[in-house]
Protein backbone atom coordinates (compact mmCIF):
# COMPACT_ATOMS: atom_id res chain seq x y z
CA MET A 1 16.67 30.32 -39.22
CA ALA A 2 12.91 30.50 -38.84
CA GLY A 3 12.00 26.83 -40.65
CA ALA A 4 14.44 25.56 -38.15
CA THR A 5 13.22 27.35 -35.05
CA ASN A 6 9.73 26.38 -35.91
CA ARG A 7 10.81 22.77 -36.35
CA ALA A 8 12.32 22.84 -33.07
CA ILE A 9 9.17 24.08 -31.45
CA ASP A 10 6.99 21.70 -33.05
CA ILE A 11 9.42 18.81 -32.01
CA PHE A 12 9.05 19.87 -28.35
CA ARG A 13 4.77 20.32 -28.69
CA GLN A 14 5.19 16.64 -30.22
CA HIS A 15 6.58 15.38 -26.51
CA GLY A 16 4.11 17.56 -24.55
CA GLY A 17 6.31 20.61 -24.76
CA VAL A 18 8.62 19.53 -22.18
CA MET A 19 12.36 17.54 -23.28
CA ARG A 20 15.40 16.79 -21.62
CA SER A 21 18.45 18.44 -23.46
CA GLY A 22 19.75 14.98 -25.09
CA GLU A 23 16.36 14.00 -26.28
CA ALA A 24 15.81 17.45 -27.97
CA PHE A 25 19.25 16.40 -29.54
CA LYS A 26 18.31 13.02 -30.81
CA ALA A 27 14.86 14.05 -32.03
CA GLY A 28 16.71 16.38 -34.61
CA ILE A 29 17.36 19.72 -32.70
CA HIS A 30 20.10 21.02 -33.84
CA ARG A 31 22.54 22.18 -30.90
CA ASN A 32 22.55 25.49 -31.99
CA VAL A 33 18.78 26.13 -32.51
CA PHE A 34 18.29 24.56 -28.97
CA TYR A 35 20.96 26.82 -27.44
CA ARG A 36 19.27 29.84 -29.34
CA LEU A 37 16.13 28.76 -28.14
CA ARG A 38 17.58 28.52 -24.89
CA LYS A 39 18.83 32.06 -25.40
CA GLU A 40 15.18 33.81 -26.15
CA ARG A 41 14.03 32.26 -23.59
CA ILE A 42 11.48 30.36 -25.97
CA ILE A 43 12.32 27.36 -24.00
CA GLU A 44 12.69 27.37 -20.13
CA GLU A 45 14.78 25.00 -18.01
CA MET A 46 12.55 23.56 -15.14
CA SER A 47 15.64 21.52 -13.70
CA ARG A 48 18.90 20.66 -14.52
CA GLY A 49 18.49 19.22 -18.09
CA LEU A 50 15.09 19.53 -18.38
CA TYR A 51 13.40 22.35 -20.71
CA ARG A 52 9.68 23.34 -21.59
CA LEU A 53 8.35 25.34 -24.03
CA GLY A 54 8.10 28.87 -22.23
CA ARG A 55 4.84 30.37 -23.81
CA GLN A 56 2.86 27.00 -23.25
CA ASP A 57 0.17 27.16 -21.02
CA GLU A 58 1.33 26.90 -17.40
CA LEU A 59 1.28 23.21 -16.02
CA SER A 60 -0.92 22.37 -13.11
CA ASN A 61 1.29 20.10 -11.31
CA PRO A 62 5.42 21.02 -12.69
CA ASP A 63 7.04 19.21 -9.99
CA LEU A 64 5.46 16.29 -10.51
CA VAL A 65 6.04 16.47 -14.37
CA MET A 66 10.03 17.15 -13.44
CA VAL A 67 10.13 14.54 -11.28
CA ALA A 68 8.21 12.20 -13.63
CA MET A 69 10.70 12.51 -16.38
CA LYS A 70 13.89 12.64 -14.28
CA VAL A 71 13.11 9.71 -12.26
CA GLU A 72 11.75 6.87 -14.96
CA LYS A 73 10.86 4.48 -13.01
CA GLY A 74 9.52 6.33 -10.14
CA VAL A 75 5.79 6.57 -9.07
CA ILE A 76 4.47 9.36 -7.55
CA CYS A 77 3.37 8.68 -4.02
CA LEU A 78 2.21 9.35 -0.20
CA ILE A 79 0.84 13.33 0.33
CA SER A 80 2.10 14.00 -3.27
CA ALA A 81 -0.77 10.82 -4.74
CA LEU A 82 -3.51 12.40 -1.82
CA ASN A 83 -2.95 15.81 -2.87
CA PHE A 84 -3.48 14.80 -6.83
CA HIS A 85 -6.38 12.27 -5.63
CA GLU A 86 -7.57 15.18 -3.56
CA ILE A 87 -7.76 13.19 -0.64
CA THR A 88 -5.86 15.59 2.00
CA THR A 89 -5.62 18.78 3.60
CA GLN A 90 -1.60 18.11 3.62
CA ILE A 91 0.33 20.69 1.44
CA PRO A 92 3.41 18.80 0.17
CA HIS A 93 6.48 20.39 0.67
CA ALA A 94 8.51 17.92 -1.31
CA VAL A 95 7.27 15.27 -3.77
CA ASP A 96 7.08 12.29 -2.78
CA VAL A 97 8.31 9.10 -5.16
CA ALA A 98 8.15 5.58 -4.79
CA ILE A 99 11.63 3.27 -6.53
CA SER A 100 12.12 0.06 -6.10
CA PRO A 101 15.37 -1.47 -4.50
CA GLY A 102 18.28 -1.00 -6.98
CA ILE A 103 17.07 2.41 -8.32
CA ARG A 104 19.06 5.11 -7.77
CA ALA A 105 17.74 8.00 -6.26
CA ALA A 106 18.39 10.90 -8.78
CA ALA A 107 19.42 14.52 -7.41
CA PHE A 108 17.05 17.67 -7.38
CA ASP A 109 18.03 21.10 -7.42
CA HIS A 110 14.19 21.79 -7.68
CA PRO A 111 12.12 20.56 -6.42
CA PRO A 112 12.69 19.00 -3.08
CA VAL A 113 12.10 14.91 -3.53
CA ASN A 114 11.27 12.68 -0.73
CA TYR A 115 12.58 8.76 -1.86
CA TYR A 116 10.67 5.70 -0.71
CA TRP A 117 12.01 2.61 -1.21
CA PHE A 118 8.78 0.14 -1.89
CA SER A 119 9.74 -3.77 -2.43
CA ARG A 120 8.95 -4.79 -6.01
CA ALA A 121 5.11 -6.21 -5.44
CA SER A 122 4.22 -2.51 -3.82
CA HIS A 123 6.05 -0.60 -6.00
CA GLU A 124 4.43 -2.33 -9.26
CA ALA A 125 0.96 -2.52 -7.89
CA GLY A 126 -1.76 0.33 -8.09
CA VAL A 127 0.48 2.50 -10.19
CA GLU A 128 -1.81 4.73 -13.10
CA LYS A 129 -0.63 6.53 -15.73
CA HIS A 130 -2.05 10.60 -15.89
CA LYS A 131 -1.52 13.04 -18.46
CA ILE A 132 -0.11 16.47 -17.22
CA GLY A 133 0.73 18.88 -19.60
CA GLY A 134 1.31 16.02 -22.29
CA ILE A 135 3.38 14.33 -20.33
CA LYS A 136 2.60 10.74 -18.82
CA VAL A 137 3.04 10.71 -14.77
CA LYS A 138 2.85 7.56 -12.88
CA ILE A 139 1.18 7.68 -9.80
CA TYR A 140 -0.53 5.06 -7.51
CA SER A 141 -4.55 5.10 -7.22
CA ALA A 142 -6.19 6.16 -4.35
CA GLU A 143 -6.83 2.71 -2.82
CA LYS A 144 -3.00 1.55 -3.05
CA THR A 145 -2.15 5.52 -1.78
CA LEU A 146 -4.13 5.06 1.19
CA ALA A 147 -2.49 1.65 1.53
CA ASP A 148 0.91 3.04 1.47
CA CYS A 149 0.15 5.75 3.90
CA PHE A 150 -0.76 3.35 6.57
CA LYS A 151 2.21 1.49 5.29
CA PHE A 152 4.37 4.45 6.29
CA ARG A 153 1.93 6.14 9.00
CA ASN A 154 5.22 6.20 11.16
CA LYS A 155 6.67 8.98 8.27
CA ILE A 156 3.68 11.38 7.27
CA GLY A 157 1.53 10.48 10.79
CA LEU A 158 -1.45 7.89 11.73
CA ASP A 159 -3.89 11.08 11.57
CA THR A 160 -2.88 12.03 8.05
CA ALA A 161 -3.58 8.65 7.14
CA VAL A 162 -7.11 8.66 8.87
CA GLU A 163 -7.77 11.95 7.38
CA ALA A 164 -7.30 10.93 3.85
CA LEU A 165 -9.38 7.94 4.58
CA ASN A 166 -12.36 9.54 5.71
CA LEU A 167 -11.71 12.14 2.86
CA TYR A 168 -11.37 9.41 0.36
CA ARG A 169 -15.22 8.10 1.53
CA GLY A 170 -16.74 11.53 0.91
CA SER A 171 -15.52 11.85 -2.83
CA ARG A 172 -16.20 8.55 -4.55
CA ARG A 173 -17.48 4.89 -4.13
CA VAL A 174 -15.46 3.22 -1.24
CA ASP A 175 -13.50 0.17 -2.65
CA VAL A 176 -13.18 -1.95 0.42
CA ALA A 177 -11.59 -4.99 -1.65
CA GLY A 178 -9.69 -2.88 -3.60
CA ILE A 179 -8.00 -1.51 -0.58
CA MET A 180 -7.69 -4.16 1.14
CA LYS A 181 -5.62 -6.06 -2.20
CA TYR A 182 -3.06 -3.13 -1.48
CA ALA A 183 -3.16 -3.61 2.14
CA ARG A 184 -2.54 -7.14 2.15
CA ILE A 185 0.64 -6.16 -0.42
CA CYS A 186 1.99 -3.56 1.80
CA ARG A 187 0.94 -5.73 5.05
CA VAL A 188 -1.04 -3.41 6.48
CA ALA A 189 -4.47 -5.51 6.29
CA GLY A 190 -4.50 -5.94 10.22
CA VAL A 191 -3.93 -2.70 10.92
CA MET A 192 -6.35 -1.22 8.29
CA ARG A 193 -9.53 -3.19 8.78
CA PRO A 194 -10.80 -1.46 11.86
CA TYR A 195 -10.60 1.93 10.37
CA LEU A 196 -12.28 0.38 7.18
CA GLU A 197 -14.76 -1.36 9.17
CA ALA A 198 -15.43 1.89 10.64
CA ILE A 199 -16.49 3.81 7.60
CA ILE A 200 -18.58 0.88 6.20
């Protein structure tokens, strides 16, 4: 039994400490072993069907990891992406995730999720992959996120978008060409240009 338990724990570790139950079974963890791990709290349920090792260090962004694993074609966007890049004073009360037309919006018990449907071109542009607790999470780059915020300014507030642009300027080298590239994809180049000219 101890051998099977240790092997199951090793399999979890090889997957960054987080797995779906179906993935665990396919990876060779026997159902009885899996249920014993859950009963003994060696693994903990993060969301319906999604588990992580209970004795590992706290994930820095567990909500982002949960959404990334459950919405495989989604990309973290808007306030959640601004928060990840540390260019906002807003505190996310839900995970903002972009999906393209035709992608089903997965239901969550936790965390709360705001879905935004992006055009295919916008959905595929500016995607970065960041490792959080060993899990690859797709998040838009800071420059793409700024363009998205101006695109969705009526939903998140123009003041939030402008604040993010100012914090971006103070925290790193301003990539005007990069921002404008994404602004054109998002069709907000005309809206953003005066704000960019004001900070150059």
